[in-house]
C-alpha atoms as a PDB file:
ATOM      1  CA  MET A   1     -10.342 -33.211   4.620  1.00  0.00           C
ATOM      2  CA  SER A   2      -9.906 -34.094   8.320  1.00  0.00           C
ATOM      3  CA  PHE A   3      -9.178 -31.971  11.382  1.00  0.00           C
ATOM      4  CA  SER A   4      -6.824 -33.855  13.722  1.00  0.00           C
ATOM      5  CA  ILE A   5      -5.571 -33.315  17.276  1.00  0.00           C
ATOM      6  CA  HIS A   6      -2.263 -32.263  15.728  1.00  0.00           C
ATOM      7  CA  ASP A   7      -4.083 -29.510  13.804  1.00  0.00           C
ATOM      8  CA  LEU A   8      -5.790 -28.397  17.014  1.00  0.00           C
ATOM      9  CA  LEU A   9      -2.517 -28.171  18.959  1.00  0.00           C
ATOM     10  CA  ARG A  10      -0.816 -26.382  16.067  1.00  0.00           C
ATOM     11  CA  LEU A  11      -3.605 -23.811  15.923  1.00  0.00           C
ATOM     12  CA  LEU A  12      -3.495 -23.296  19.703  1.00  0.00           C
ATOM     13  CA  TYR A  13       0.246 -22.725  19.539  1.00  0.00           C
ATOM     14  CA  SER A  14      -0.131 -20.324  16.617  1.00  0.00           C
ATOM     15  CA  SER A  15      -2.766 -18.353  18.550  1.00  0.00           C
ATOM     16  CA  VAL A  16      -0.162 -17.510  21.203  1.00  0.00           C
ATOM     17  CA  THR A  17       2.757 -16.824  18.872  1.00  0.00           C
ATOM     18  CA  SER A  18       0.640 -14.802  16.429  1.00  0.00           C
ATOM     19  CA  LEU A  19       0.086 -12.188  19.131  1.00  0.00           C
ATOM     20  CA  PHE A  20       3.727 -11.197  18.680  1.00  0.00           C
ATOM     21  CA  ALA A  21       4.138 -12.087  14.987  1.00  0.00           C
ATOM     22  CA  PRO A  22       4.621  -9.581  12.117  1.00  0.00           C
ATOM     23  CA  GLY A  23       0.940  -9.875  11.259  1.00  0.00           C
ATOM     24  CA  SER A  24       0.012  -8.584  14.705  1.00  0.00           C
ATOM     25  CA  GLU A  25      -0.103  -4.953  15.706  1.00  0.00           C
ATOM     26  CA  THR A  26       1.856  -5.877  18.848  1.00  0.00           C
ATOM     27  CA  TYR A  27       4.907  -7.042  16.864  1.00  0.00           C
ATOM     28  CA  TRP A  28       8.090  -5.767  18.531  1.00  0.00           C
ATOM     29  CA  ILE A  29       9.209  -3.678  15.547  1.00  0.00           C
ATOM     30  CA  PHE A  30       5.880  -1.819  15.535  1.00  0.00           C
ATOM     31  CA  LEU A  31       6.182  -1.170  19.259  1.00  0.00           C
ATOM     32  CA  ILE A  32       9.620   0.389  18.758  1.00  0.00           C
ATOM     33  CA  THR A  33       8.717   2.511  15.730  1.00  0.00           C
ATOM     34  CA  GLY A  34       5.416   3.378  17.397  1.00  0.00           C
ATOM     35  CA  ALA A  35       7.335   4.833  20.335  1.00  0.00           C
ATOM     36  CA  PHE A  36       9.181   7.224  17.995  1.00  0.00           C
ATOM     37  CA  VAL A  37       5.993   8.137  16.123  1.00  0.00           C
ATOM     38  CA  THR A  38       4.215   8.736  19.434  1.00  0.00           C
ATOM     39  CA  ALA A  39       7.078  10.970  20.642  1.00  0.00           C
ATOM     40  CA  PHE A  40       6.817  13.017  17.421  1.00  0.00           C
ATOM     41  CA  ALA A  41       3.039  13.359  17.752  1.00  0.00           C
ATOM     42  CA  TYR A  42       3.346  14.247  21.434  1.00  0.00           C
ATOM     43  CA  ALA A  43       5.887  16.997  20.732  1.00  0.00           C
ATOM     44  CA  LYS A  44       3.870  18.394  17.803  1.00  0.00           C
ATOM     45  CA  TYR A  45       0.264  18.133  19.005  1.00  0.00           C
ATOM     46  CA  HIS A  46       0.040  17.192  22.677  1.00  0.00           C
ATOM     47  CA  MET A  47       2.879  18.857  24.593  1.00  0.00           C
ATOM     48  CA  GLU A  48       1.588  21.603  26.868  1.00  0.00           C
ATOM     49  CA  THR A  49       4.953  23.346  27.373  1.00  0.00           C
ATOM     50  CA  SER A  50       7.824  24.227  25.048  1.00  0.00           C
ATOM     51  CA  ARG A  51      10.236  21.908  26.891  1.00  0.00           C
ATOM     52  CA  PHE A  52      10.072  18.143  26.382  1.00  0.00           C
ATOM     53  CA  SER A  53       9.632  16.222  29.641  1.00  0.00           C
ATOM     54  CA  LEU A  54      10.298  12.482  29.645  1.00  0.00           C
ATOM     55  CA  ILE A  55       8.136  11.984  32.735  1.00  0.00           C
ATOM     56  CA  ALA A  56       5.241  13.878  31.160  1.00  0.00           C
ATOM     57  CA  PHE A  57       5.679  11.822  27.970  1.00  0.00           C
ATOM     58  CA  ILE A  58       5.575   8.532  29.903  1.00  0.00           C
ATOM     59  CA  ARG A  59       2.418   9.693  31.678  1.00  0.00           C
ATOM     60  CA  PHE A  60       0.923  10.556  28.295  1.00  0.00           C
ATOM     61  CA  VAL A  61       1.733   7.114  26.868  1.00  0.00           C
ATOM     62  CA  PHE A  62       0.705   5.188  30.003  1.00  0.00           C
ATOM     63  CA  PRO A  63      -1.964   7.273  31.752  1.00  0.00           C
ATOM     64  CA  LEU A  64      -2.867   5.603  35.038  1.00  0.00           C
ATOM     65  CA  LYS A  65      -6.533   6.486  34.633  1.00  0.00           C
ATOM     66  CA  LEU A  66      -6.629   4.746  31.248  1.00  0.00           C
ATOM     67  CA  LEU A  67      -4.824   1.641  32.461  1.00  0.00           C
ATOM     68  CA  LYS A  68      -7.343   1.229  35.298  1.00  0.00           C
ATOM     69  CA  HIS A  69     -10.350   1.755  33.053  1.00  0.00           C
ATOM     70  CA  ARG A  70     -12.783  -1.191  32.920  1.00  0.00           C
ATOM     71  CA  SER A  71     -13.016  -0.902  29.133  1.00  0.00           C
ATOM     72  CA  VAL A  72      -9.232  -1.286  28.743  1.00  0.00           C
ATOM     73  CA  ARG A  73      -9.199  -4.326  31.024  1.00  0.00           C
ATOM     74  CA  ILE A  74     -11.897  -5.933  28.880  1.00  0.00           C
ATOM     75  CA  ASP A  75      -9.920  -5.078  25.706  1.00  0.00           C
ATOM     76  CA  PHE A  76      -6.935  -7.049  27.013  1.00  0.00           C
ATOM     77  CA  GLU A  77      -9.115  -9.996  28.010  1.00  0.00           C
ATOM     78  CA  MET A  78     -10.887 -10.079  24.660  1.00  0.00           C
ATOM     79  CA  CYS A  79      -7.574  -9.794  22.825  1.00  0.00           C
ATOM     80  CA  PHE A  80      -6.398 -13.128  24.199  1.00  0.00           C
ATOM     81  CA  LEU A  81      -9.792 -14.817  23.867  1.00  0.00           C
ATOM     82  CA  ASN A  82     -10.105 -13.720  20.242  1.00  0.00           C
ATOM     83  CA  PHE A  83      -6.638 -14.999  19.396  1.00  0.00           C
ATOM     84  CA  PHE A  84      -7.699 -18.442  20.608  1.00  0.00           C
ATOM     85  CA  TYR A  85     -10.948 -18.049  18.711  1.00  0.00           C
ATOM     86  CA  GLY A  86      -8.956 -17.107  15.632  1.00  0.00           C
ATOM     87  CA  ALA A  87      -6.943 -20.282  15.981  1.00  0.00           C
ATOM     88  CA  LEU A  88      -9.811 -22.667  16.677  1.00  0.00           C
ATOM     89  CA  VAL A  89     -12.824 -21.308  14.815  1.00  0.00           C
ATOM     90  CA  SER A  90     -11.503 -18.974  12.157  1.00  0.00           C
ATOM     91  CA  GLY A  91      -8.566 -21.240  11.303  1.00  0.00           C
ATOM     92  CA  ALA A  92     -10.828 -24.269  10.982  1.00  0.00           C
ATOM     93  CA  VAL A  93     -13.504 -22.469   8.928  1.00  0.00           C
ATOM     94  CA  LEU A  94     -11.052 -20.914   6.493  1.00  0.00           C
ATOM     95  CA  LYS A  95      -9.347 -24.283   6.079  1.00  0.00           C
ATOM     96  CA  TYR A  96     -12.575 -25.747   4.708  1.00  0.00           C
ATOM     97  CA  ILE A  97     -13.216 -22.916   2.238  1.00  0.00           C
ATOM     98  CA  PRO A  98     -11.865 -24.208  -1.075  1.00  0.00           C
ATOM     99  CA  ASP A  99      -9.061 -22.414  -2.881  1.00  0.00           C
ATOM    100  CA  LEU A 100     -10.897 -20.697  -5.733  1.00  0.00           C
ATOM    101  CA  GLY A 101      -7.736 -19.185  -7.214  1.00  0.00           C
ATOM    102  CA  ILE A 102      -7.309 -22.075  -9.660  1.00  0.00           C
ATOM    103  CA  LEU A 103     -10.953 -21.869 -10.724  1.00  0.00           C
ATOM    104  CA  TRP A 104     -10.670 -18.126 -11.354  1.00  0.00           C
ATOM    105  CA  LYS A 105      -7.438 -18.688 -13.269  1.00  0.00           C
ATOM    106  CA  HIS A 106      -9.267 -20.986 -15.701  1.00  0.00           C
ATOM    107  CA  VAL A 107     -12.098 -18.458 -16.029  1.00  0.00           C
ATOM    108  CA  PHE A 108      -9.762 -15.544 -16.775  1.00  0.00           C
ATOM    109  CA  SER A 109      -7.574 -17.698 -19.034  1.00  0.00           C
ATOM    110  CA  SER A 110     -10.575 -18.435 -21.248  1.00  0.00           C
ATOM    111  CA  ILE A 111     -11.341 -14.701 -21.445  1.00  0.00           C
ATOM    112  CA  LEU A 112      -7.775 -13.390 -21.840  1.00  0.00           C
ATOM    113  CA  TRP A 113      -6.329 -16.261 -23.869  1.00  0.00           C
ATOM    114  CA  GLN A 114      -4.598 -13.941 -26.341  1.00  0.00           C
ATOM    115  CA  HIS A 115      -3.298 -11.550 -23.657  1.00  0.00           C
ATOM    116  CA  HIS A 116      -0.867 -13.773 -21.772  1.00  0.00           C
ATOM    117  CA  LEU A 117       2.290 -11.917 -20.782  1.00  0.00           C
ATOM    118  CA  SER A 118       5.791 -13.150 -20.095  1.00  0.00           C
ATOM    119  CA  ARG A 119       7.681 -12.144 -16.989  1.00  0.00           C
ATOM    120  CA  HIS A 120      11.044 -12.546 -18.698  1.00  0.00           C
ATOM    121  CA  TYR A 121      11.553  -8.857 -19.448  1.00  0.00           C
ATOM    122  CA  LEU A 122       9.357  -7.480 -16.655  1.00  0.00           C
ATOM    123  CA  TYR A 123      11.411  -8.751 -13.702  1.00  0.00           C
ATOM    124  CA  TYR A 124       9.627  -7.793 -10.466  1.00  0.00           C
ATOM    125  CA  VAL A 125       6.914  -5.600 -12.006  1.00  0.00           C
ATOM    126  CA  PRO A 126       4.203  -8.332 -11.820  1.00  0.00           C
ATOM    127  CA  ASP A 127       5.098  -9.047  -8.181  1.00  0.00           C
ATOM    128  CA  ILE A 128       4.934  -5.349  -7.325  1.00  0.00           C
ATOM    129  CA  LEU A 129       1.558  -4.977  -9.053  1.00  0.00           C
ATOM    130  CA  PHE A 130       0.275  -8.130  -7.340  1.00  0.00           C
ATOM    131  CA  THR A 131       1.433  -6.866  -3.921  1.00  0.00           C
ATOM    132  CA  ILE A 132      -0.287  -3.503  -4.418  1.00  0.00           C
ATOM    133  CA  ALA A 133      -3.460  -5.218  -5.672  1.00  0.00           C
ATOM    134  CA  ILE A 134      -3.646  -7.591  -2.682  1.00  0.00           C
ATOM    135  CA  PHE A 135      -3.119  -4.715  -0.249  1.00  0.00           C
ATOM    136  CA  MET A 136      -5.891  -2.674  -1.868  1.00  0.00           C
ATOM    137  CA  VAL A 137      -8.327  -5.563  -2.271  1.00  0.00           C
ATOM    138  CA  ALA A 138      -7.857  -6.711   1.339  1.00  0.00           C
ATOM    139  CA  ASP A 139      -8.543  -3.156   2.486  1.00  0.00           C
ATOM    140  CA  LEU A 140     -11.592  -2.959   0.208  1.00  0.00           C
ATOM    141  CA  ALA A 141     -12.924  -6.180   1.765  1.00  0.00           C
ATOM    142  CA  PHE A 142     -12.485  -4.643   5.217  1.00  0.00           C
ATOM    143  CA  TYR A 143     -14.323  -1.506   4.090  1.00  0.00           C
ATOM    144  CA  LEU A 144     -17.249  -3.380   2.520  1.00  0.00           C
ATOM    145  CA  VAL A 145     -17.769  -5.600   5.566  1.00  0.00           C
ATOM    146  CA  HIS A 146     -17.399  -2.571   7.831  1.00  0.00           C
ATOM    147  CA  VAL A 147     -20.048  -0.628   5.884  1.00  0.00           C
ATOM    148  CA  ALA A 148     -22.420  -3.609   6.091  1.00  0.00           C
ATOM    149  CA  PHE A 149     -21.954  -3.972   9.858  1.00  0.00           C
ATOM    150  CA  HIS A 150     -22.659  -0.264  10.340  1.00  0.00           C
ATOM    151  CA  ARG A 151     -25.693   0.044   8.074  1.00  0.00           C
ATOM    152  CA  ILE A 152     -27.564  -3.255   8.503  1.00  0.00           C
ATOM    153  CA  PRO A 153     -29.339  -3.127  11.894  1.00  0.00           C
ATOM    154  CA  VAL A 154     -28.874  -6.810  12.771  1.00  0.00           C
ATOM    155  CA  LEU A 155     -25.161  -6.657  11.926  1.00  0.00           C
ATOM    156  CA  TRP A 156     -24.786  -3.397  13.848  1.00  0.00           C
ATOM    157  CA  GLU A 157     -25.854  -5.245  17.003  1.00  0.00           C
ATOM    158  CA  ILE A 158     -22.755  -7.421  16.489  1.00  0.00           C
ATOM    159  CA  HIS A 159     -20.424  -4.559  15.586  1.00  0.00           C
ATOM    160  CA  LYS A 160     -21.445  -2.661  18.720  1.00  0.00           C
ATOM    161  CA  VAL A 161     -18.961  -4.879  20.552  1.00  0.00           C
ATOM    162  CA  HIS A 162     -16.108  -2.948  18.963  1.00  0.00           C
ATOM    163  CA  HIS A 163     -17.702   0.467  19.425  1.00  0.00           C
ATOM    164  CA  SER A 164     -18.519  -0.120  23.081  1.00  0.00           C
ATOM    165  CA  ALA A 165     -14.874   0.660  23.924  1.00  0.00           C
ATOM    166  CA  GLU A 166     -14.977   3.703  26.198  1.00  0.00           C
ATOM    167  CA  ALA A 167     -11.213   4.308  26.224  1.00  0.00           C
ATOM    168  CA  ILE A 168      -9.530   3.314  22.964  1.00  0.00           C
ATOM    169  CA  ASN A 169      -6.030   1.862  23.106  1.00  0.00           C
ATOM    170  CA  PRO A 170      -3.971  -0.418  20.799  1.00  0.00           C
ATOM    171  CA  MET A 171      -5.679  -3.506  22.275  1.00  0.00           C
ATOM    172  CA  THR A 172      -9.043  -2.175  21.072  1.00  0.00           C
ATOM    173  CA  SER A 173      -8.020  -3.464  17.626  1.00  0.00           C
ATOM    174  CA  TYR A 174      -8.743  -6.971  18.933  1.00  0.00           C
ATOM    175  CA  ARG A 175     -12.071  -6.012  20.521  1.00  0.00           C
ATOM    176  CA  GLY A 176     -14.486  -7.480  18.009  1.00  0.00           C
ATOM    177  CA  HIS A 177     -17.166 -10.130  17.911  1.00  0.00           C
ATOM    178  CA  PRO A 178     -16.034 -13.426  16.312  1.00  0.00           C
ATOM    179  CA  LEU A 179     -18.772 -13.224  13.666  1.00  0.00           C
ATOM    180  CA  ASN A 180     -17.561  -9.759  12.692  1.00  0.00           C
ATOM    181  CA  LEU A 181     -13.941 -10.897  12.413  1.00  0.00           C
ATOM    182  CA  LEU A 182     -14.832 -14.060  10.500  1.00  0.00           C
ATOM    183  CA  SER A 183     -16.939 -12.136   7.961  1.00  0.00           C
ATOM    184  CA  THR A 184     -13.974  -9.919   7.102  1.00  0.00           C
ATOM    185  CA  GLN A 185     -11.625 -12.896   6.795  1.00  0.00           C
ATOM    186  CA  ILE A 186     -13.976 -14.808   4.486  1.00  0.00           C
ATOM    187  CA  LEU A 187     -14.637 -11.892   2.105  1.00  0.00           C
ATOM    188  CA  THR A 188     -10.921 -11.057   2.051  1.00  0.00           C
ATOM    189  CA  LYS A 189     -10.052 -14.630   1.085  1.00  0.00           C
ATOM    190  CA  LEU A 190     -12.716 -14.755  -1.650  1.00  0.00           C
ATOM    191  CA  LEU A 191     -11.568 -11.479  -3.237  1.00  0.00           C
ATOM    192  CA  ILE A 192      -7.883 -12.392  -3.047  1.00  0.00           C
ATOM    193  CA  ASP A 193      -8.669 -15.732  -4.742  1.00  0.00           C
ATOM    194  CA  VAL A 194     -10.088 -13.717  -7.660  1.00  0.00           C
ATOM    195  CA  LEU A 195      -6.862 -11.702  -7.783  1.00  0.00           C
ATOM    196  CA  ARG A 196      -4.699 -14.818  -7.736  1.00  0.00           C
ATOM    197  CA  GLY A 197      -6.719 -16.253 -10.592  1.00  0.00           C
ATOM    198  CA  LEU A 198      -6.459 -13.054 -12.641  1.00  0.00           C
ATOM    199  CA  PHE A 199      -2.694 -12.679 -12.204  1.00  0.00           C
ATOM    200  CA  GLY A 200      -2.185 -16.399 -12.761  1.00  0.00           C
ATOM    201  CA  ALA A 201      -4.016 -16.105 -16.090  1.00  0.00           C
ATOM    202  CA  VAL A 202      -2.133 -12.985 -17.214  1.00  0.00           C
ATOM    203  CA  TYR A 203       1.305 -14.351 -16.205  1.00  0.00           C
ATOM    204  CA  PRO A 204       0.950 -18.115 -16.719  1.00  0.00           C
ATOM    205  CA  ASP A 205       4.611 -18.929 -17.365  1.00  0.00           C
ATOM    206  CA  MET A 206       5.998 -18.263 -13.858  1.00  0.00           C
ATOM    207  CA  GLY A 207       3.088 -16.891 -11.862  1.00  0.00           C
ATOM    208  CA  VAL A 208       3.424 -14.059  -9.359  1.00  0.00           C
ATOM    209  CA  SER A 209       4.469 -13.769  -5.737  1.00  0.00           C
ATOM    210  CA  GLU A 210       3.390 -11.301  -3.074  1.00  0.00           C
ATOM    211  CA  LEU A 211       6.228  -9.176  -1.723  1.00  0.00           C
ATOM    212  CA  ALA A 212       6.047  -9.841   1.995  1.00  0.00           C
ATOM    213  CA  PHE A 213       7.979  -9.707   5.232  1.00  0.00           C
ATOM    214  CA  ARG A 214       7.610 -13.010   7.070  1.00  0.00           C
ATOM    215  CA  GLY A 215       4.244 -13.637   5.437  1.00  0.00           C
ATOM    216  CA  VAL A 216       2.879 -10.088   5.825  1.00  0.00           C
ATOM    217  CA  ASN A 217       2.231  -7.877   2.803  1.00  0.00           C
ATOM    218  CA  ILE A 218       5.113  -5.407   2.679  1.00  0.00           C
ATOM    219  CA  LEU A 219       2.732  -2.444   2.238  1.00  0.00           C
ATOM    220  CA  LEU A 220       0.675  -3.396   5.285  1.00  0.00           C
ATOM    221  CA  PHE A 221       3.887  -3.955   7.224  1.00  0.00           C
ATOM    222  CA  SER A 222       5.135  -0.495   6.179  1.00  0.00           C
ATOM    223  CA  TYR A 223       1.804   1.089   7.146  1.00  0.00           C
ATOM    224  CA  ASN A 224       2.101  -0.286  10.675  1.00  0.00           C
ATOM    225  CA  ILE A 225       5.735   0.798  10.928  1.00  0.00           C
ATOM    226  CA  VAL A 226       4.821   4.461  10.377  1.00  0.00           C
ATOM    227  CA  GLY A 227       2.202   4.328  13.110  1.00  0.00           C
ATOM    228  CA  GLY A 228      -0.839   2.716  11.529  1.00  0.00           C
ATOM    229  CA  TYR A 229      -1.393   0.538  14.579  1.00  0.00           C
ATOM    230  CA  LEU A 230      -1.780   3.695  16.700  1.00  0.00           C
ATOM    231  CA  ARG A 231      -5.225   4.278  15.191  1.00  0.00           C
ATOM    232  CA  HIS A 232      -6.684   2.829  18.395  1.00  0.00           C
ATOM    233  CA  SER A 233      -4.921   5.219  20.743  1.00  0.00           C
ATOM    234  CA  SER A 234      -5.138   8.718  22.176  1.00  0.00           C
ATOM    235  CA  VAL A 235      -2.256   9.818  19.925  1.00  0.00           C
ATOM    236  CA  TRP A 236      -3.636  12.457  17.536  1.00  0.00           C
ATOM    237  CA  LEU A 237      -1.654  12.223  14.319  1.00  0.00           C
ATOM    238  CA  HIS A 238      -2.243  12.678  10.597  1.00  0.00           C
ATOM    239  CA  PHE A 239       0.015  12.462   7.539  1.00  0.00           C
ATOM    240  CA  GLY A 240      -0.752  15.813   5.898  1.00  0.00           C
ATOM    241  CA  ARG A 241      -3.706  17.234   3.992  1.00  0.00           C
ATOM    242  CA  ARG A 242      -3.037  15.405   0.710  1.00  0.00           C
ATOM    243  CA  LEU A 243      -2.170  12.030   2.197  1.00  0.00           C
ATOM    244  CA  ASN A 244      -5.293  12.214   4.367  1.00  0.00           C
ATOM    245  CA  PHE A 245      -7.303  11.445   1.220  1.00  0.00           C
ATOM    246  CA  ILE A 246      -5.286   8.278   0.611  1.00  0.00           C
ATOM    247  CA  VAL A 247      -4.125   6.881   3.951  1.00  0.00           C
ATOM    248  CA  LEU A 248      -6.106   6.547   7.173  1.00  0.00           C
ATOM    249  CA  THR A 249      -4.369   7.888  10.270  1.00  0.00           C
ATOM    250  CA  PRO A 250      -4.980   7.719  14.026  1.00  0.00           C
ATOM    251  CA  ALA A 251      -6.820  11.052  13.717  1.00  0.00           C
ATOM    252  CA  HIS A 252      -9.237   9.494  11.187  1.00  0.00           C
ATOM    253  CA  HIS A 253      -9.998   6.454  13.295  1.00  0.00           C
ATOM    254  CA  GLN A 254     -10.498   8.374  16.526  1.00  0.00           C
ATOM    255  CA  ILE A 255     -13.274  10.202  14.684  1.00  0.00           C
ATOM    256  CA  HIS A 256     -14.724   6.823  13.701  1.00  0.00           C
ATOM    257  CA  HIS A 257     -15.021   5.802  17.378  1.00  0.00           C
ATOM    258  CA  SER A 258     -16.528   9.112  18.489  1.00  0.00           C
ATOM    259  CA  GLU A 259     -19.992   8.988  20.071  1.00  0.00           C
ATOM    260  CA  ASP A 260     -20.861  12.333  18.454  1.00  0.00           C
ATOM    261  CA  PRO A 261     -23.670  11.707  15.869  1.00  0.00           C
ATOM    262  CA  LYS A 262     -21.892  13.798  13.217  1.00  0.00           C
ATOM    263  CA  HIS A 263     -19.032  11.262  13.273  1.00  0.00           C
ATOM    264  CA  TRP A 264     -21.151   8.107  13.048  1.00  0.00           C
ATOM    265  CA  GLY A 265     -20.357   5.849  10.111  1.00  0.00           C
ATOM    266  CA  LYS A 266     -17.306   7.850   9.042  1.00  0.00           C
ATOM    267  CA  ASN A 267     -13.796   6.605   8.138  1.00  0.00           C
ATOM    268  CA  LEU A 268     -14.663   2.928   7.687  1.00  0.00           C
ATOM    269  CA  GLY A 269     -11.504   1.785   5.871  1.00  0.00           C
ATOM    270  CA  GLY A 270      -8.648  -0.171   7.385  1.00  0.00           C
ATOM    271  CA  ALA A 271      -5.478   1.457   6.062  1.00  0.00           C
ATOM    272  CA  LEU A 272      -6.669   3.411   3.011  1.00  0.00           C
ATOM    273  CA  SER A 273      -9.061   6.349   3.017  1.00  0.00           C
ATOM    274  CA  ILE A 274      -9.721   6.183  -0.737  1.00  0.00           C
ATOM    275  CA  TRP A 275     -12.681   3.818  -0.221  1.00  0.00           C
ATOM    276  CA  ASP A 276     -14.233   6.308   2.231  1.00  0.00           C
ATOM    277  CA  TRP A 277     -13.533   9.098  -0.233  1.00  0.00           C
ATOM    278  CA  VAL A 278     -15.306   7.238  -3.047  1.00  0.00           C
ATOM    279  CA  GLY A 279     -18.075   5.990  -0.755  1.00  0.00           C
ATOM    280  CA  GLY A 280     -18.787   9.398   0.768  1.00  0.00           C
ATOM    281  CA  THR A 281     -17.864   8.291   4.305  1.00  0.00           C
ATOM    282  CA  LEU A 282     -14.585  10.210   4.645  1.00  0.00           C
ATOM    283  CA  TYR A 283     -14.273  12.738   7.469  1.00  0.00           C
ATOM    284  CA  ILE A 284     -10.941  14.555   7.700  1.00  0.00           C
ATOM    285  CA  PRO A 285     -10.412  16.380  10.990  1.00  0.00           C
ATOM    286  CA  ASP A 286      -8.748  19.741  10.378  1.00  0.00           C
ATOM    287  CA  LYS A 287      -7.668  19.995  13.999  1.00  0.00           C
ATOM    288  CA  LYS A 288      -7.687  17.936  17.171  1.00  0.00           C
ATOM    289  CA  GLU A 289     -11.234  17.584  18.439  1.00  0.00           C
ATOM    290  CA  ASN A 290     -12.394  16.804  21.964  1.00  0.00           C
ATOM    291  CA  LEU A 291     -13.865  13.334  21.621  1.00  0.00           C
ATOM    292  CA  SER A 292     -15.598  10.866  23.878  1.00  0.00           C
ATOM    293  CA  TYR A 293     -15.879   7.227  22.910  1.00  0.00           C
ATOM    294  CA  GLY A 294     -18.379   4.436  23.221  1.00  0.00           C
ATOM    295  CA  LEU A 295     -22.008   3.849  22.291  1.00  0.00           C
ATOM    296  CA  ALA A 296     -24.448   6.751  22.403  1.00  0.00           C
ATOM    297  CA  ASP A 297     -26.682   4.854  24.832  1.00  0.00           C
ATOM    298  CA  ALA A 298     -24.849   5.073  28.187  1.00  0.00           C
ATOM    299  CA  GLU A 299     -26.886   2.253  29.749  1.00  0.00           C
ATOM    300  CA  GLU A 300     -26.186  -0.072  26.826  1.00  0.00           C
ATOM    301  CA  ASN A 301     -22.514   0.828  26.990  1.00  0.00           C
ATOM    302  CA  ARG A 302     -22.422  -0.157  30.670  1.00  0.00           C
ATOM    303  CA  GLU A 303     -24.024  -3.488  29.788  1.00  0.00           C
ATOM    304  CA  PHE A 304     -21.359  -4.219  27.162  1.00  0.00           C
ATOM    305  CA  ASN A 305     -18.546  -3.308  29.534  1.00  0.00           C
ATOM    306  CA  ARG A 306     -19.876  -5.365  32.418  1.00  0.00           C
ATOM    307  CA  SER A 307     -17.645  -8.302  31.506  1.00  0.00           C
ATOM    308  CA  VAL A 308     -15.767  -9.751  28.561  1.00  0.00           C
ATOM    309  CA  ILE A 309     -18.296 -12.601  28.334  1.00  0.00           C
ATOM    310  CA  ALA A 310     -21.087 -10.044  27.874  1.00  0.00           C
ATOM    311  CA  LEU A 311     -19.437  -8.898  24.650  1.00  0.00           C
ATOM    312  CA  TYR A 312     -19.932 -12.378  23.196  1.00  0.00           C
ATOM    313  CA  TYR A 313     -23.568 -13.052  24.132  1.00  0.00           C
ATOM    314  CA  LEU A 314     -25.252  -9.621  24.342  1.00  0.00           C
ATOM    315  CA  PRO A 315     -25.419  -9.138  20.535  1.00  0.00           C
ATOM    316  CA  PHE A 316     -27.530 -12.316  20.211  1.00  0.00           C
ATOM    317  CA  ILE A 317     -29.888 -11.204  22.989  1.00  0.00           C
ATOM    318  CA  ASN A 318     -30.285  -7.781  21.382  1.00  0.00           C
ATOM    319  CA  ILE A 319     -30.875  -9.287  17.938  1.00  0.00           C
ATOM    320  CA  TRP A 320     -33.630 -11.475  19.394  1.00  0.00           C
ATOM    321  CA  LYS A 321     -35.317  -8.714  21.419  1.00  0.00           C
ATOM    322  CA  ARG A 322     -35.041  -5.864  18.910  1.00  0.00           C
ATOM    323  CA  HIS A 323     -35.286  -7.603  15.541  1.00  0.00           C
ATOM    324  CA  LEU A 324     -36.440 -11.232  15.584  1.00  0.00           C
ATOM    325  CA  MET A 325     -39.079 -11.036  18.326  1.00  0.00           C
ATOM    326  CA  PRO A 326     -40.916  -8.044  16.760  1.00  0.00           C
ATOM    327  CA  TRP A 327     -40.776  -9.795  13.393  1.00  0.00           C
ATOM    328  CA  PHE A 328     -42.284 -13.013  14.785  1.00  0.00           C
ATOM    329  CA  HIS A 329     -44.862 -10.928  16.634  1.00  0.00           C
ATOM    330  CA  SER A 330     -45.890  -9.183  13.396  1.00  0.00           C
ATOM    331  CA  LEU A 331     -46.258 -12.562  11.691  1.00  0.00           C
ATOM    332  CA  ARG A 332     -48.586 -13.749  14.464  1.00  0.00           C
ATOM    333  CA  ILE A 333     -50.716 -10.617  14.136  1.00  0.00           C
ATOM    334  CA  LYS A 334     -51.008 -11.094  10.370  1.00  0.00           C
ATOM    335  CA  ALA A 335     -51.927 -14.751  10.877  1.00  0.00           C
ATOM    336  CA  ILE A 336     -54.730 -13.766  13.261  1.00  0.00           C
END
């Protein structure tokens, strides 16, 4: 397998267009629906008077203080840098990971040889099941990687990049260290390959297809339409007491970014809260809480927000100083 100049140019072009593609949270449809969802949340939870004011609403959506914040500026810079990273590094790495779907299909076929099903009388049922399964498995992969990056000290040094945001906004979604992003992408691909193999073995006659809108899982697309992408925003919104146990909302994720110790390590899922529920990491806010964001260590937070470049190299320095250097030092003492 070779990586040509044509592949490089194609990936660079895709890095720019993907910022506004259906798979991005800045897709134009999400921006439009998000405006309506934000207006609803503003009228229900944020409006200080009984009369709706368009000027007050615009100030709520685009607060001047937030737009000038150093953390927000860095979020925008990292957004574009990470899209190019996604094209060059992530795209190249994932290209060289073999497609294990066929291998898993053979494995499951040998196990389920007498349980093959025909699609002839099932119509779109297999596709619907496959779409739901991919959505859930991709979200599970996000949750598992997220748990690891919160609980393993060395990985937490990398994940601090995301949590160093002092003023969350939709661009904070793209504020993440490349190693963090790549880990999620790799585990997601490996788990989805298992799914493809399983469904390919169960429905061997015609296979299954994911129900998608321009390449994006229709369930994920629907989640973003109803305001899922607002989870990195100041818009406090939830979907009701019962749905809060199933679907993560902006209210959930604002808790996740809180610097209050009682909120640390809570609400780690991407779109679904069921993994947090099962894993004991779910925190459902009953009412709007006064939150401040960023790392608990104010000095460390300032270091991370010094520049966008600092977000890329500081994790490695911290890993060396806080984890590797003491370990090497202990080895030297034992040797003596």
